[in-house]
Amino acid sequence: MCADTPEYKDTLNLPKTDFPMRAGLPKREPEWLARWEQIGVYDRLREKAVLAASGEKRKPFTLHDGPPYANGHLHIGHALNKTIKDMIVRSHQMMGFDARYVPGWDCHGLPIEWKIEEQYRKKGREQGRGAYQ
């Protein structure tokens, strides 16, 4: 930055508090998760999700999702993908569906196998019996 550039933190009009800047998330998150497990938050949400206010069963909506990184390195598109899928499931829940997000299945084997095959093809080797000896 050049000398004329202001410190942008000085341009913010934020309230002054005694609270620490950090929320201590790495320490507190495990406590929250344990508490939610203890009181059965997910089970209670699922019970409410299955039945509508009228007592009738809601129509199911299930989004199946594979691993985000099976075909290469993680990138911002994976975060966008997960965010959009989360929004879809939540919006269907709010529209009255029994919406479930079912994360991933193991499809890592094929991309890894493909990468190995690429290495052998670069060396001029063919797939097949005895080709890798």
N, C-alpha and C. Protein backbone atom coordinates (compact mmCIF):
# COMPACT_ATOMS: atom_id res chain seq x y z
N MET A 1 0.84 -1.19 0.00
CA MET A 1 0.00 0.00 0.00
C MET A 1 0.87 1.24 0.00
N CYS A 2 0.34 2.29 -0.54
CA CYS A 2 1.11 3.54 -0.55
C CYS A 2 0.87 4.30 0.75
N ALA A 3 1.65 5.30 0.98
CA ALA A 3 1.58 6.05 2.24
C ALA A 3 0.26 6.81 2.39
N ASP A 4 -0.41 7.13 1.26
CA ASP A 4 -1.66 7.89 1.32
C ASP A 4 -2.89 7.01 1.58
N THR A 5 -2.72 5.71 1.57
CA THR A 5 -3.85 4.81 1.78
C THR A 5 -4.21 4.78 3.25
N PRO A 6 -5.48 5.05 3.59
CA PRO A 6 -5.87 5.05 5.01
C PRO A 6 -5.95 3.62 5.56
N GLU A 7 -5.86 3.50 6.85
CA GLU A 7 -6.11 2.23 7.52
C GLU A 7 -7.63 2.05 7.51
N TYR A 8 -8.11 1.08 6.77
CA TYR A 8 -9.55 0.91 6.63
C TYR A 8 -10.22 0.53 7.94
N LYS A 9 -9.51 -0.12 8.84
CA LYS A 9 -10.13 -0.46 10.12
C LYS A 9 -10.51 0.79 10.89
N ASP A 10 -9.79 1.90 10.64
CA ASP A 10 -10.11 3.16 11.31
C ASP A 10 -11.35 3.82 10.72
N THR A 11 -11.80 3.38 9.56
CA THR A 11 -12.97 3.98 8.92
C THR A 11 -14.27 3.29 9.33
N LEU A 12 -14.18 2.19 10.08
CA LEU A 12 -15.38 1.48 10.51
C LEU A 12 -15.94 2.08 11.78
N ASN A 13 -17.23 2.21 11.84
CA ASN A 13 -17.89 2.74 13.02
C ASN A 13 -18.53 1.57 13.76
N LEU A 14 -17.73 0.86 14.52
CA LEU A 14 -18.21 -0.30 15.25
C LEU A 14 -18.35 0.02 16.73
N PRO A 15 -19.27 -0.64 17.43
CA PRO A 15 -19.42 -0.38 18.87
C PRO A 15 -18.20 -0.89 19.63
N LYS A 16 -17.89 -0.23 20.71
CA LYS A 16 -16.80 -0.65 21.58
C LYS A 16 -17.38 -1.57 22.66
N THR A 17 -16.81 -2.76 22.81
CA THR A 17 -17.30 -3.71 23.80
C THR A 17 -16.11 -4.33 24.54
N ASP A 18 -16.43 -5.03 25.62
CA ASP A 18 -15.42 -5.76 26.37
C ASP A 18 -15.27 -7.19 25.85
N PHE A 19 -16.08 -7.55 24.86
CA PHE A 19 -16.02 -8.91 24.32
C PHE A 19 -14.71 -9.13 23.60
N PRO A 20 -14.14 -10.31 23.72
CA PRO A 20 -12.92 -10.58 22.95
C PRO A 20 -13.25 -10.65 21.46
N MET A 21 -12.27 -10.37 20.62
CA MET A 21 -12.49 -10.38 19.18
C MET A 21 -12.80 -11.77 18.68
N ARG A 22 -12.25 -12.78 19.29
CA ARG A 22 -12.49 -14.14 18.83
C ARG A 22 -13.57 -14.80 19.67
N ALA A 23 -14.36 -15.61 19.04
CA ALA A 23 -15.43 -16.30 19.74
C ALA A 23 -14.96 -17.62 20.36
N GLY A 24 -13.72 -17.99 20.11
CA GLY A 24 -13.22 -19.25 20.66
C GLY A 24 -13.87 -20.46 20.02
N LEU A 25 -14.19 -20.37 18.74
CA LEU A 25 -14.92 -21.43 18.06
C LEU A 25 -14.25 -22.80 18.15
N PRO A 26 -12.95 -22.93 17.94
CA PRO A 26 -12.36 -24.27 18.02
C PRO A 26 -12.58 -24.93 19.38
N LYS A 27 -12.66 -24.14 20.42
CA LYS A 27 -12.89 -24.70 21.76
C LYS A 27 -14.38 -24.93 22.01
N ARG A 28 -15.21 -24.01 21.53
CA ARG A 28 -16.64 -24.06 21.85
C ARG A 28 -17.44 -25.00 20.96
N GLU A 29 -17.03 -25.16 19.70
CA GLU A 29 -17.82 -25.99 18.79
C GLU A 29 -18.01 -27.41 19.29
N PRO A 30 -16.97 -28.10 19.78
CA PRO A 30 -17.19 -29.46 20.31
C PRO A 30 -18.21 -29.49 21.45
N GLU A 31 -18.22 -28.43 22.27
CA GLU A 31 -19.20 -28.37 23.36
C GLU A 31 -20.61 -28.25 22.80
N TRP A 32 -20.79 -27.42 21.78
CA TRP A 32 -22.11 -27.27 21.16
C TRP A 32 -22.57 -28.59 20.54
N LEU A 33 -21.67 -29.24 19.81
CA LEU A 33 -22.03 -30.50 19.17
C LEU A 33 -22.42 -31.55 20.19
N ALA A 34 -21.69 -31.62 21.30
CA ALA A 34 -22.02 -32.59 22.36
C ALA A 34 -23.38 -32.28 22.96
N ARG A 35 -23.66 -31.01 23.18
CA ARG A 35 -24.97 -30.62 23.74
C ARG A 35 -26.10 -30.97 22.78
N TRP A 36 -25.91 -30.66 21.50
CA TRP A 36 -26.94 -30.97 20.52
C TRP A 36 -27.18 -32.47 20.43
N GLU A 37 -26.11 -33.25 20.56
CA GLU A 37 -26.26 -34.71 20.55
C GLU A 37 -27.02 -35.17 21.80
N GLN A 38 -26.70 -34.57 22.93
CA GLN A 38 -27.33 -34.94 24.20
C GLN A 38 -28.84 -34.67 24.17
N ILE A 39 -29.25 -33.53 23.65
CA ILE A 39 -30.68 -33.19 23.65
C ILE A 39 -31.39 -33.68 22.39
N GLY A 40 -30.66 -34.31 21.46
CA GLY A 40 -31.29 -34.90 20.28
C GLY A 40 -31.84 -33.90 19.30
N VAL A 41 -31.10 -32.83 19.04
CA VAL A 41 -31.59 -31.78 18.14
C VAL A 41 -31.97 -32.34 16.78
N TYR A 42 -31.10 -33.12 16.17
CA TYR A 42 -31.38 -33.62 14.82
C TYR A 42 -32.62 -34.51 14.81
N ASP A 43 -32.73 -35.40 15.79
CA ASP A 43 -33.90 -36.29 15.85
C ASP A 43 -35.19 -35.48 16.02
N ARG A 44 -35.15 -34.45 16.83
CA ARG A 44 -36.34 -33.63 17.03
C ARG A 44 -36.70 -32.87 15.76
N LEU A 45 -35.70 -32.36 15.06
CA LEU A 45 -35.96 -31.69 13.79
C LEU A 45 -36.54 -32.65 12.77
N ARG A 46 -36.01 -33.87 12.72
CA ARG A 46 -36.52 -34.87 11.77
C ARG A 46 -37.97 -35.23 12.10
N GLU A 47 -38.31 -35.36 13.38
CA GLU A 47 -39.69 -35.66 13.77
C GLU A 47 -40.64 -34.58 13.26
N LYS A 48 -40.24 -33.33 13.43
CA LYS A 48 -41.08 -32.21 12.96
C LYS A 48 -41.13 -32.17 11.45
N ALA A 49 -40.05 -32.58 10.79
CA ALA A 49 -39.98 -32.51 9.34
C ALA A 49 -40.90 -33.53 8.68
N VAL A 50 -41.09 -34.67 9.31
CA VAL A 50 -41.86 -35.74 8.69
C VAL A 50 -43.36 -35.43 8.67
N LEU A 51 -43.86 -34.82 9.74
CA LEU A 51 -45.28 -34.52 9.82
C LEU A 51 -45.55 -33.03 9.63
N ALA A 52 -46.53 -32.73 8.82
CA ALA A 52 -46.96 -31.35 8.64
C ALA A 52 -47.76 -30.92 9.86
N ALA A 53 -48.09 -29.65 9.93
CA ALA A 53 -48.86 -29.13 11.07
C ALA A 53 -50.20 -29.85 11.18
N SER A 54 -50.73 -30.32 10.06
CA SER A 54 -52.02 -31.02 10.05
C SER A 54 -51.91 -32.45 10.56
N GLY A 55 -50.68 -32.92 10.78
CA GLY A 55 -50.49 -34.30 11.23
C GLY A 55 -50.28 -35.28 10.09
N GLU A 56 -50.41 -34.82 8.85
CA GLU A 56 -50.19 -35.68 7.69
C GLU A 56 -48.71 -35.76 7.38
N LYS A 57 -48.34 -36.89 6.73
CA LYS A 57 -46.94 -37.04 6.34
C LYS A 57 -46.62 -36.08 5.20
N ARG A 58 -45.45 -35.47 5.28
CA ARG A 58 -45.01 -34.58 4.21
C ARG A 58 -44.46 -35.40 3.05
N LYS A 59 -44.55 -34.83 1.86
CA LYS A 59 -43.98 -35.47 0.69
C LYS A 59 -42.46 -35.42 0.80
N PRO A 60 -41.78 -36.55 0.58
CA PRO A 60 -40.32 -36.54 0.73
C PRO A 60 -39.60 -35.85 -0.43
N PHE A 61 -38.49 -35.21 -0.10
CA PHE A 61 -37.56 -34.64 -1.08
C PHE A 61 -36.17 -35.01 -0.60
N THR A 62 -35.43 -35.77 -1.39
CA THR A 62 -34.09 -36.20 -1.00
C THR A 62 -33.09 -35.75 -2.04
N LEU A 63 -32.02 -35.13 -1.58
CA LEU A 63 -30.93 -34.73 -2.45
C LEU A 63 -29.73 -35.61 -2.12
N HIS A 64 -29.32 -36.43 -3.08
CA HIS A 64 -28.14 -37.27 -2.92
C HIS A 64 -26.94 -36.52 -3.48
N ASP A 65 -25.84 -36.56 -2.76
CA ASP A 65 -24.67 -35.79 -3.17
C ASP A 65 -23.43 -36.65 -3.05
N GLY A 66 -22.59 -36.59 -4.07
CA GLY A 66 -21.33 -37.31 -4.04
C GLY A 66 -20.23 -36.48 -3.40
N PRO A 67 -19.08 -37.09 -3.19
CA PRO A 67 -17.97 -36.33 -2.61
C PRO A 67 -17.59 -35.16 -3.52
N PRO A 68 -17.22 -34.03 -2.94
CA PRO A 68 -16.95 -32.84 -3.75
C PRO A 68 -15.59 -32.85 -4.43
N TYR A 69 -14.71 -33.74 -4.02
CA TYR A 69 -13.32 -33.65 -4.47
C TYR A 69 -12.85 -34.90 -5.19
N ALA A 70 -13.75 -35.69 -5.70
CA ALA A 70 -13.37 -36.98 -6.28
C ALA A 70 -12.57 -36.85 -7.57
N ASN A 71 -12.73 -35.78 -8.29
CA ASN A 71 -12.09 -35.68 -9.61
C ASN A 71 -11.00 -34.62 -9.70
N GLY A 72 -10.47 -34.20 -8.61
CA GLY A 72 -9.41 -33.21 -8.67
C GLY A 72 -9.25 -32.46 -7.37
N HIS A 73 -8.49 -31.39 -7.43
CA HIS A 73 -8.23 -30.59 -6.24
C HIS A 73 -9.45 -29.76 -5.87
N LEU A 74 -9.58 -29.47 -4.57
CA LEU A 74 -10.66 -28.62 -4.11
C LEU A 74 -10.50 -27.22 -4.71
N HIS A 75 -11.63 -26.59 -5.03
CA HIS A 75 -11.61 -25.22 -5.53
C HIS A 75 -12.91 -24.54 -5.11
N ILE A 76 -13.04 -23.27 -5.40
CA ILE A 76 -14.19 -22.48 -4.95
C ILE A 76 -15.51 -23.03 -5.50
N GLY A 77 -15.46 -23.69 -6.63
CA GLY A 77 -16.66 -24.29 -7.19
C GLY A 77 -17.26 -25.35 -6.28
N HIS A 78 -16.40 -26.07 -5.56
CA HIS A 78 -16.91 -27.08 -4.63
C HIS A 78 -17.68 -26.42 -3.49
N ALA A 79 -17.17 -25.29 -2.97
CA ALA A 79 -17.87 -24.57 -1.91
C ALA A 79 -19.20 -24.05 -2.43
N LEU A 80 -19.21 -23.52 -3.65
CA LEU A 80 -20.45 -23.03 -4.25
C LEU A 80 -21.45 -24.17 -4.42
N ASN A 81 -20.97 -25.30 -4.89
CA ASN A 81 -21.80 -26.47 -5.09
C ASN A 81 -22.47 -26.90 -3.78
N LYS A 82 -21.70 -27.00 -2.71
CA LYS A 82 -22.25 -27.41 -1.41
C LYS A 82 -23.23 -26.38 -0.88
N THR A 83 -22.92 -25.10 -1.07
CA THR A 83 -23.80 -24.04 -0.59
C THR A 83 -25.14 -24.07 -1.32
N ILE A 84 -25.10 -24.23 -2.63
CA ILE A 84 -26.34 -24.28 -3.41
C ILE A 84 -27.17 -25.49 -3.01
N LYS A 85 -26.53 -26.64 -2.84
CA LYS A 85 -27.28 -27.84 -2.44
C LYS A 85 -27.91 -27.67 -1.07
N ASP A 86 -27.21 -27.02 -0.14
CA ASP A 86 -27.77 -26.76 1.18
C ASP A 86 -28.98 -25.85 1.06
N MET A 87 -28.89 -24.83 0.20
CA MET A 87 -30.02 -23.92 0.01
C MET A 87 -31.22 -24.64 -0.60
N ILE A 88 -30.97 -25.56 -1.52
CA ILE A 88 -32.06 -26.30 -2.15
C ILE A 88 -32.80 -27.14 -1.12
N VAL A 89 -32.04 -27.86 -0.30
CA VAL A 89 -32.67 -28.72 0.72
C VAL A 89 -33.45 -27.88 1.72
N ARG A 90 -32.84 -26.81 2.20
CA ARG A 90 -33.52 -25.96 3.19
C ARG A 90 -34.77 -25.30 2.61
N SER A 91 -34.70 -24.86 1.36
CA SER A 91 -35.88 -24.21 0.77
C SER A 91 -37.01 -25.22 0.58
N HIS A 92 -36.67 -26.46 0.20
CA HIS A 92 -37.72 -27.47 0.09
C HIS A 92 -38.33 -27.80 1.45
N GLN A 93 -37.51 -27.80 2.49
CA GLN A 93 -38.04 -28.02 3.84
C GLN A 93 -39.04 -26.92 4.19
N MET A 94 -38.68 -25.67 3.87
CA MET A 94 -39.58 -24.54 4.17
C MET A 94 -40.82 -24.55 3.29
N MET A 95 -40.75 -25.21 2.13
CA MET A 95 -41.92 -25.30 1.25
C MET A 95 -42.84 -26.45 1.63
N GLY A 96 -42.50 -27.17 2.71
CA GLY A 96 -43.41 -28.20 3.20
C GLY A 96 -43.01 -29.63 2.88
N PHE A 97 -41.85 -29.84 2.31
CA PHE A 97 -41.38 -31.19 2.03
C PHE A 97 -40.65 -31.76 3.26
N ASP A 98 -40.58 -33.07 3.31
CA ASP A 98 -39.69 -33.74 4.27
C ASP A 98 -38.34 -33.83 3.56
N ALA A 99 -37.55 -32.79 3.67
CA ALA A 99 -36.32 -32.67 2.88
C ALA A 99 -35.13 -33.25 3.63
N ARG A 100 -34.38 -34.09 2.93
CA ARG A 100 -33.19 -34.70 3.50
C ARG A 100 -32.02 -34.49 2.57
N TYR A 101 -30.87 -34.24 3.17
CA TYR A 101 -29.62 -34.15 2.42
C TYR A 101 -28.83 -35.41 2.75
N VAL A 102 -28.56 -36.20 1.75
CA VAL A 102 -27.84 -37.45 1.95
C VAL A 102 -26.43 -37.28 1.36
N PRO A 103 -25.43 -37.07 2.22
CA PRO A 103 -24.09 -36.83 1.71
C PRO A 103 -23.41 -38.08 1.20
N GLY A 104 -22.70 -37.90 0.15
CA GLY A 104 -21.76 -38.76 -0.51
C GLY A 104 -21.82 -40.27 -0.44
N TRP A 105 -21.06 -40.82 -1.32
CA TRP A 105 -20.80 -42.25 -1.37
C TRP A 105 -19.37 -42.39 -1.85
N ASP A 106 -18.82 -43.56 -1.73
CA ASP A 106 -17.41 -43.74 -2.06
C ASP A 106 -17.23 -43.93 -3.55
N CYS A 107 -16.80 -42.87 -4.22
CA CYS A 107 -16.49 -42.99 -5.64
C CYS A 107 -15.05 -42.54 -5.89
N HIS A 108 -14.21 -42.61 -4.85
CA HIS A 108 -12.83 -42.19 -4.99
C HIS A 108 -12.02 -43.17 -5.82
N GLY A 109 -12.40 -44.44 -5.80
CA GLY A 109 -11.61 -45.45 -6.49
C GLY A 109 -11.42 -45.18 -7.96
N LEU A 110 -12.49 -44.84 -8.66
CA LEU A 110 -12.40 -44.63 -10.10
C LEU A 110 -11.48 -43.47 -10.48
N PRO A 111 -11.61 -42.27 -9.88
CA PRO A 111 -10.69 -41.20 -10.25
C PRO A 111 -9.23 -41.54 -9.95
N ILE A 112 -8.98 -42.22 -8.83
CA ILE A 112 -7.61 -42.60 -8.50
C ILE A 112 -7.10 -43.60 -9.52
N GLU A 113 -7.95 -44.57 -9.86
CA GLU A 113 -7.56 -45.56 -10.87
C GLU A 113 -7.26 -44.87 -12.20
N TRP A 114 -8.08 -43.88 -12.55
CA TRP A 114 -7.89 -43.16 -13.81
C TRP A 114 -6.54 -42.42 -13.82
N LYS A 115 -6.17 -41.80 -12.70
CA LYS A 115 -4.88 -41.10 -12.61
C LYS A 115 -3.72 -42.07 -12.80
N ILE A 116 -3.83 -43.26 -12.25
CA ILE A 116 -2.78 -44.27 -12.42
C ILE A 116 -2.71 -44.71 -13.87
N GLU A 117 -3.88 -44.89 -14.48
CA GLU A 117 -3.91 -45.27 -15.89
C GLU A 117 -3.23 -44.20 -16.75
N GLU A 118 -3.47 -42.91 -16.41
CA GLU A 118 -2.82 -41.83 -17.15
C GLU A 118 -1.30 -41.93 -17.07
N GLN A 119 -0.81 -42.23 -15.89
CA GLN A 119 0.65 -42.37 -15.72
C GLN A 119 1.20 -43.49 -16.60
N TYR A 120 0.50 -44.62 -16.65
CA TYR A 120 0.96 -45.74 -17.48
C TYR A 120 0.87 -45.40 -18.96
N ARG A 121 -0.18 -44.68 -19.37
CA ARG A 121 -0.31 -44.31 -20.78
C ARG A 121 0.82 -43.38 -21.21
N LYS A 122 1.24 -42.48 -20.30
CA LYS A 122 2.36 -41.59 -20.62
C LYS A 122 3.64 -42.38 -20.87
N LYS A 123 3.76 -43.52 -20.21
CA LYS A 123 4.95 -44.36 -20.38
C LYS A 123 4.79 -45.33 -21.56
N GLY A 124 3.65 -45.23 -22.26
CA GLY A 124 3.43 -46.08 -23.42
C GLY A 124 2.93 -47.46 -23.09
N ARG A 125 2.48 -47.66 -21.90
CA ARG A 125 1.97 -48.97 -21.49
C ARG A 125 0.46 -49.01 -21.71
N GLU A 126 -0.04 -50.18 -22.08
CA GLU A 126 -1.47 -50.36 -22.32
C GLU A 126 -2.13 -51.04 -21.12
N GLN A 127 -3.40 -50.81 -20.97
CA GLN A 127 -4.15 -51.51 -19.92
C GLN A 127 -4.36 -52.95 -20.38
N GLY A 128 -4.36 -53.84 -19.47
CA GLY A 128 -4.60 -55.24 -19.80
C GLY A 128 -3.69 -56.16 -19.01
N ARG A 129 -3.88 -57.44 -19.18
CA ARG A 129 -3.15 -58.43 -18.42
C ARG A 129 -1.64 -58.30 -18.68
N GLY A 130 -0.90 -58.18 -17.61
CA GLY A 130 0.54 -58.16 -17.71
C GLY A 130 1.12 -56.84 -18.22
N ALA A 131 0.30 -55.87 -18.51
CA ALA A 131 0.81 -54.63 -19.08
C ALA A 131 1.65 -53.83 -18.08
N TYR A 132 1.41 -54.03 -16.77
CA TYR A 132 2.08 -53.21 -15.77
C TYR A 132 3.29 -53.90 -15.15
N GLN A 133 3.70 -55.02 -15.69
CA GLN A 133 4.82 -55.74 -15.10
C GLN A 133 6.13 -55.21 -15.59
